[in-house]
Amino acid sequence: MAAKNILRDFSNSNLNSLLDTAYNELKSGRYSDALKDVNRVLSQLALIKRRDSDGDSLPDWIENKYGTDPQNPDTNNNGILDAEVFFVG
């Protein structure tokens, strides 16, 4: 299922479970229920994608993916914010 590929960057079993439920609802013809569940997944993804715990303008999911610390705005303590290192080099 293509939607599973979207979630591969996120370790969130609740979203995966909800997506599985939606898929099973679709297979059984319960389209309205499936649509509600998919909308919940999309809403949660939007929140996750915006979360920036350390306030360095680099979302947590990107920091997790590329190995910087989402709790520290300057992971390598070089005086440059992680976001600047990521986007400028």
C-alpha atoms as a PDB file:
ATOM      1  CA  MET A   1       0.000   0.000   0.000  1.00  0.00           C
ATOM      2  CA  ALA A   2       1.495   3.358  -1.049  1.00  0.00           C
ATOM      3  CA  ALA A   3       0.407   5.131   2.127  1.00  0.00           C
ATOM      4  CA  LYS A   4       2.695   2.864   4.170  1.00  0.00           C
ATOM      5  CA  ASN A   5       5.651   4.411   2.328  1.00  0.00           C
ATOM      6  CA  ILE A   6       4.652   7.827   3.646  1.00  0.00           C
ATOM      7  CA  LEU A   7       4.845   6.519   7.203  1.00  0.00           C
ATOM      8  CA  ARG A   8       8.235   4.830   6.893  1.00  0.00           C
ATOM      9  CA  ASP A   9       9.992   7.973   8.171  1.00  0.00           C
ATOM     10  CA  PHE A  10       7.880   7.993  11.301  1.00  0.00           C
ATOM     11  CA  SER A  11       8.064   5.459  14.091  1.00  0.00           C
ATOM     12  CA  ASN A  12       4.466   5.743  15.189  1.00  0.00           C
ATOM     13  CA  SER A  13       2.649   2.475  15.665  1.00  0.00           C
ATOM     14  CA  ASN A  14      -0.658   4.267  16.300  1.00  0.00           C
ATOM     15  CA  LEU A  15      -0.607   5.782  12.818  1.00  0.00           C
ATOM     16  CA  ASN A  16       0.334   2.468  11.262  1.00  0.00           C
ATOM     17  CA  SER A  17      -2.455   0.721  13.138  1.00  0.00           C
ATOM     18  CA  LEU A  18      -4.983   3.358  12.116  1.00  0.00           C
ATOM     19  CA  LEU A  19      -3.889   3.066   8.500  1.00  0.00           C
ATOM     20  CA  ASP A  20      -4.251  -0.724   8.650  1.00  0.00           C
ATOM     21  CA  THR A  21      -7.759  -0.266  10.035  1.00  0.00           C
ATOM     22  CA  ALA A  22      -8.630   2.132   7.220  1.00  0.00           C
ATOM     23  CA  TYR A  23      -7.287  -0.322   4.653  1.00  0.00           C
ATOM     24  CA  ASN A  24      -9.392  -3.144   6.087  1.00  0.00           C
ATOM     25  CA  GLU A  25     -12.441  -0.882   6.131  1.00  0.00           C
ATOM     26  CA  LEU A  26     -11.883  -0.076   2.462  1.00  0.00           C
ATOM     27  CA  LYS A  27     -11.589  -3.769   1.610  1.00  0.00           C
ATOM     28  CA  SER A  28     -14.871  -4.486   3.379  1.00  0.00           C
ATOM     29  CA  GLY A  29     -16.694  -1.600   1.671  1.00  0.00           C
ATOM     30  CA  ARG A  30     -16.945   0.665   4.732  1.00  0.00           C
ATOM     31  CA  TYR A  31     -15.771   3.724   2.816  1.00  0.00           C
ATOM     32  CA  SER A  32     -17.058   6.375   5.207  1.00  0.00           C
ATOM     33  CA  ASP A  33     -15.217   4.819   8.165  1.00  0.00           C
ATOM     34  CA  ALA A  34     -12.050   4.426   6.098  1.00  0.00           C
ATOM     35  CA  LEU A  35     -12.164   8.069   5.023  1.00  0.00           C
ATOM     36  CA  LYS A  36     -12.498   9.221   8.631  1.00  0.00           C
ATOM     37  CA  ASP A  37      -9.498   7.132   9.654  1.00  0.00           C
ATOM     38  CA  VAL A  38      -7.388   8.349   6.742  1.00  0.00           C
ATOM     39  CA  ASN A  39      -8.244  11.948   7.665  1.00  0.00           C
ATOM     40  CA  ARG A  40      -7.076  11.248  11.231  1.00  0.00           C
ATOM     41  CA  VAL A  41      -3.796   9.847   9.909  1.00  0.00           C
ATOM     42  CA  LEU A  42      -3.271  12.906   7.698  1.00  0.00           C
ATOM     43  CA  SER A  43      -4.010  15.289  10.573  1.00  0.00           C
ATOM     44  CA  GLN A  44      -1.500  13.514  12.815  1.00  0.00           C
ATOM     45  CA  LEU A  45       1.126  13.533  10.058  1.00  0.00           C
ATOM     46  CA  ALA A  46       0.687  17.277   9.629  1.00  0.00           C
ATOM     47  CA  LEU A  47       1.313  17.796  13.351  1.00  0.00           C
ATOM     48  CA  ILE A  48       4.341  15.501  13.351  1.00  0.00           C
ATOM     49  CA  LYS A  49       5.866  17.196  10.307  1.00  0.00           C
ATOM     50  CA  ARG A  50       5.624  20.640  11.979  1.00  0.00           C
ATOM     51  CA  ARG A  51       6.969  19.636  15.417  1.00  0.00           C
ATOM     52  CA  ASP A  52      10.280  21.345  16.233  1.00  0.00           C
ATOM     53  CA  SER A  53      11.167  20.511  19.835  1.00  0.00           C
ATOM     54  CA  ASP A  54      14.397  22.523  20.006  1.00  0.00           C
ATOM     55  CA  GLY A  55      13.179  25.578  18.062  1.00  0.00           C
ATOM     56  CA  ASP A  56      15.978  25.554  15.488  1.00  0.00           C
ATOM     57  CA  SER A  57      13.546  25.663  12.521  1.00  0.00           C
ATOM     58  CA  LEU A  58      14.380  22.075  11.537  1.00  0.00           C
ATOM     59  CA  PRO A  59      11.414  19.751  12.167  1.00  0.00           C
ATOM     60  CA  ASP A  60      12.037  16.800  14.492  1.00  0.00           C
ATOM     61  CA  TRP A  61      11.324  14.219  11.781  1.00  0.00           C
ATOM     62  CA  ILE A  62      14.115  15.645   9.613  1.00  0.00           C
ATOM     63  CA  GLU A  63      16.495  15.757  12.588  1.00  0.00           C
ATOM     64  CA  ASN A  64      15.681  12.116  13.366  1.00  0.00           C
ATOM     65  CA  LYS A  65      16.153  11.104   9.749  1.00  0.00           C
ATOM     66  CA  TYR A  66      19.528  12.823   9.331  1.00  0.00           C
ATOM     67  CA  GLY A  67      20.957  12.172  12.786  1.00  0.00           C
ATOM     68  CA  THR A  68      20.841  15.556  14.478  1.00  0.00           C
ATOM     69  CA  ASP A  69      19.386  15.910  17.982  1.00  0.00           C
ATOM     70  CA  PRO A  70      15.791  17.202  17.936  1.00  0.00           C
ATOM     71  CA  GLN A  71      16.269  18.327  21.557  1.00  0.00           C
ATOM     72  CA  ASN A  72      19.420  20.381  20.875  1.00  0.00           C
ATOM     73  CA  PRO A  73      19.369  23.290  18.386  1.00  0.00           C
ATOM     74  CA  ASP A  74      23.146  22.982  17.871  1.00  0.00           C
ATOM     75  CA  THR A  75      23.837  19.234  17.861  1.00  0.00           C
ATOM     76  CA  ASN A  76      27.586  19.474  17.254  1.00  0.00           C
ATOM     77  CA  ASN A  77      28.074  22.568  19.500  1.00  0.00           C
ATOM     78  CA  ASN A  78      29.771  24.587  16.755  1.00  0.00           C
ATOM     79  CA  GLY A  79      27.694  27.726  17.342  1.00  0.00           C
ATOM     80  CA  ILE A  80      25.590  27.170  14.203  1.00  0.00           C
ATOM     81  CA  LEU A  81      21.970  26.010  14.393  1.00  0.00           C
ATOM     82  CA  ASP A  82      21.255  22.575  12.932  1.00  0.00           C
ATOM     83  CA  ALA A  83      18.818  24.107  10.437  1.00  0.00           C
ATOM     84  CA  GLU A  84      21.494  26.424   9.077  1.00  0.00           C
ATOM     85  CA  VAL A  85      23.947  23.542   8.742  1.00  0.00           C
ATOM     86  CA  PHE A  86      21.282  21.452   7.043  1.00  0.00           C
ATOM     87  CA  PHE A  87      20.096  24.073   4.551  1.00  0.00           C
ATOM     88  CA  VAL A  88      23.286  26.077   3.938  1.00  0.00           C
ATOM     89  CA  GLY A  89      26.005  23.544   4.594  1.00  0.00           C
END
